[in-house]
Amino acid sequence: MDFEEFVRASLPGLLRYGHALTGSPHDAADLVQTVLEKVGARWSKIMRQDAEPLAYVRRAMANAHVSRWRRRRREVLVEEFPDQGVSQPDRLDGEPLWQALAQLPPRQRAVLVLRYYEDLSEAEIAAALGITAGTVKSQASKALAKLRAGMSSVEGRDR
């Protein structure tokens, strides 16, 4: 399979995965583009190593997202506030489950997205993220406990 064919077949799923990872369709598109640029430059090497390209790209996306998230946490002081552009709101912003998912640490979010959104097995998730199956289980357990706690507090406020 050549790179162009891979991108054509995988792009919708990668964008969904990126959206679930980042919480924003715009950030997802940026993440996918950044990762595909890097992967495209190494495509022949990846194929020679008999790597599963989709798992490789998902892992690269998760790693790039975690790296970007860490970089953004650093405080940057500016002299003047930048102009605020008009942006289109995300249709899922008001959803309690989506908000709770966005509050999870990146690895926990990635595990849940791959498990319940992309319907991958624990072994496939472990391969995609470069972690052990035990880590997948523990991260999923912790993430689900946080989601349950977050959702029960939302239900308590609605009553």
Protein backbone atom coordinates (compact mmCIF):
# COMPACT_ATOMS: atom_id res chain seq x y z
CA MET A 1 0.00 0.00 0.00
CA ASP A 2 1.38 3.41 -0.88
CA PHE A 3 1.13 6.44 1.41
CA GLU A 4 -1.53 8.25 -0.61
CA GLU A 5 -3.78 5.19 -0.58
CA PHE A 6 -3.25 4.78 3.17
CA VAL A 7 -4.19 8.41 3.86
CA ARG A 8 -7.29 8.22 1.67
CA ALA A 9 -8.51 5.10 3.48
CA SER A 10 -7.55 6.12 7.03
CA LEU A 11 -8.17 9.87 7.15
CA PRO A 12 -11.79 9.84 8.45
CA GLY A 13 -10.89 7.52 11.32
CA LEU A 14 -7.74 9.47 12.13
CA LEU A 15 -9.71 12.72 12.26
CA ARG A 16 -12.28 11.13 14.61
CA TYR A 17 -9.48 9.80 16.81
CA GLY A 18 -7.75 13.19 16.79
CA HIS A 19 -11.02 14.95 17.68
CA ALA A 20 -11.56 12.64 20.61
CA LEU A 21 -7.93 13.12 21.75
CA THR A 22 -7.85 16.89 21.49
CA GLY A 23 -11.49 17.80 22.09
CA SER A 24 -11.55 20.07 19.05
CA PRO A 25 -12.03 19.32 15.35
CA HIS A 26 -9.58 22.11 14.45
CA ASP A 27 -6.84 20.84 16.76
CA ALA A 28 -7.55 17.32 15.49
CA ALA A 29 -6.98 18.38 11.89
CA ASP A 30 -3.72 20.09 12.88
CA LEU A 31 -2.58 17.01 14.79
CA VAL A 32 -3.39 14.65 11.93
CA GLN A 33 -1.66 16.87 9.40
CA THR A 34 1.48 17.22 11.53
CA VAL A 35 1.75 13.49 12.13
CA LEU A 36 1.00 12.53 8.52
CA GLU A 37 3.71 14.92 7.30
CA LYS A 38 6.25 13.18 9.53
CA VAL A 39 5.01 9.69 8.69
CA GLY A 40 4.94 10.45 4.96
CA ALA A 41 8.63 11.32 5.04
CA ARG A 42 9.39 7.91 6.59
CA TRP A 43 6.77 5.83 4.81
CA SER A 44 9.12 3.49 2.95
CA LYS A 45 11.09 2.77 6.13
CA ILE A 46 7.89 2.05 8.06
CA MET A 47 6.70 -0.33 5.37
CA ARG A 48 10.09 -2.10 5.22
CA GLN A 49 9.88 -2.75 8.96
CA ASP A 50 6.52 -4.48 8.48
CA ALA A 51 4.95 -2.14 11.01
CA GLU A 52 1.18 -1.86 11.12
CA PRO A 53 0.81 1.63 9.63
CA LEU A 54 -2.49 2.54 11.31
CA ALA A 55 -1.21 1.56 14.75
CA TYR A 56 2.01 3.45 14.05
CA VAL A 57 0.12 6.61 13.12
CA ARG A 58 -2.23 6.38 16.11
CA ARG A 59 0.73 6.00 18.45
CA ALA A 60 2.46 8.96 16.78
CA MET A 61 -0.72 11.02 17.20
CA ALA A 62 -1.01 10.15 20.89
CA ASN A 63 2.67 10.99 21.45
CA ALA A 64 2.41 14.26 19.52
CA HIS A 65 -0.72 15.23 21.43
CA VAL A 66 0.93 14.56 24.80
CA SER A 67 4.00 16.56 23.71
CA ARG A 68 1.84 19.46 22.52
CA TRP A 69 -0.18 19.36 25.71
CA ARG A 70 3.01 19.53 27.82
CA ARG A 71 4.37 22.45 25.79
CA ARG A 72 1.12 24.41 26.12
CA ARG A 73 1.10 24.07 29.90
CA ARG A 74 4.08 26.39 30.14
CA GLU A 75 3.11 29.94 30.90
CA VAL A 76 4.02 32.55 28.32
CA LEU A 77 3.85 36.19 29.31
CA VAL A 78 2.90 38.71 26.65
CA GLU A 79 2.85 42.48 26.71
CA GLU A 80 -0.54 42.80 25.03
CA PHE A 81 -3.45 40.46 24.64
CA PRO A 82 -3.85 39.10 21.11
CA ASP A 83 -7.00 39.97 19.18
CA GLN A 84 -9.73 37.46 19.79
CA GLY A 85 -10.86 35.87 16.54
CA VAL A 86 -14.38 34.67 15.98
CA SER A 87 -14.46 30.92 16.13
CA GLN A 88 -17.27 28.51 15.48
CA PRO A 89 -18.27 26.68 18.67
CA ASP A 90 -17.83 22.94 18.83
CA ARG A 91 -21.23 21.23 18.86
CA LEU A 92 -20.07 18.90 21.66
CA ASP A 93 -18.87 21.66 24.03
CA GLY A 94 -22.05 21.59 26.10
CA GLU A 95 -22.15 17.81 26.47
CA PRO A 96 -21.30 16.74 30.05
CA LEU A 97 -19.66 13.49 28.98
CA TRP A 98 -17.52 15.31 26.41
CA GLN A 99 -16.48 17.86 29.04
CA ALA A 100 -15.60 15.11 31.51
CA LEU A 101 -13.58 13.30 28.83
CA ALA A 102 -11.68 16.50 28.05
CA GLN A 103 -10.64 16.74 31.73
CA LEU A 104 -8.86 13.37 31.65
CA PRO A 105 -5.07 13.18 31.27
CA PRO A 106 -4.03 12.57 27.63
CA ARG A 107 -3.05 8.91 28.04
CA GLN A 108 -6.28 8.00 29.84
CA ARG A 109 -8.30 9.83 27.20
CA ALA A 110 -6.39 8.04 24.43
CA VAL A 111 -7.06 4.64 26.00
CA LEU A 112 -10.80 5.33 26.34
CA VAL A 113 -11.08 6.75 22.84
CA LEU A 114 -9.33 3.75 21.29
CA ARG A 115 -11.32 1.28 23.38
CA TYR A 116 -14.84 2.66 23.20
CA TYR A 117 -14.79 4.97 20.19
CA GLU A 118 -12.51 3.04 17.84
CA ASP A 119 -13.48 -0.38 19.36
CA LEU A 120 -9.89 -1.68 19.63
CA SER A 121 -8.90 -4.55 21.91
CA GLU A 122 -6.54 -4.07 24.86
CA ALA A 123 -3.71 -5.66 22.86
CA GLU A 124 -4.33 -3.34 19.90
CA ILE A 125 -4.41 -0.30 22.18
CA ALA A 126 -1.18 -1.39 23.85
CA ALA A 127 0.48 -1.76 20.46
CA ALA A 128 -0.88 1.57 19.21
CA LEU A 129 0.30 3.50 22.27
CA GLY A 130 3.47 1.55 22.96
CA ILE A 131 2.41 0.50 26.45
CA THR A 132 1.64 -2.83 28.09
CA ALA A 133 -1.82 -4.39 28.20
CA GLY A 134 -1.71 -4.01 32.00
CA THR A 135 -1.16 -0.28 31.63
CA VAL A 136 -4.10 -0.13 29.23
CA LYS A 137 -6.31 -1.83 31.84
CA SER A 138 -5.17 0.39 34.70
CA GLN A 139 -5.47 3.60 32.67
CA ALA A 140 -8.96 2.61 31.49
CA SER A 141 -10.01 1.77 35.04
CA LYS A 142 -8.76 5.08 36.42
CA ALA A 143 -10.32 7.03 33.55
CA LEU A 144 -13.70 5.33 33.93
CA ALA A 145 -13.67 6.00 37.68
CA LYS A 146 -12.99 9.70 37.01
CA LEU A 147 -15.74 9.83 34.40
CA ARG A 148 -18.23 8.15 36.75
CA ALA A 149 -17.37 10.60 39.52
CA GLY A 150 -17.65 13.55 37.15
CA MET A 151 -20.93 12.39 35.70
CA SER A 152 -22.48 11.68 39.13
CA SER A 153 -21.64 15.23 40.21
CA VAL A 154 -23.30 16.56 37.03
CA GLU A 155 -26.40 14.44 37.69
CA GLY A 156 -26.50 15.75 41.26
CA ARG A 157 -26.54 19.36 40.03
CA ASP A 158 -29.34 18.63 37.52
CA ARG A 159 -31.71 17.40 40.25
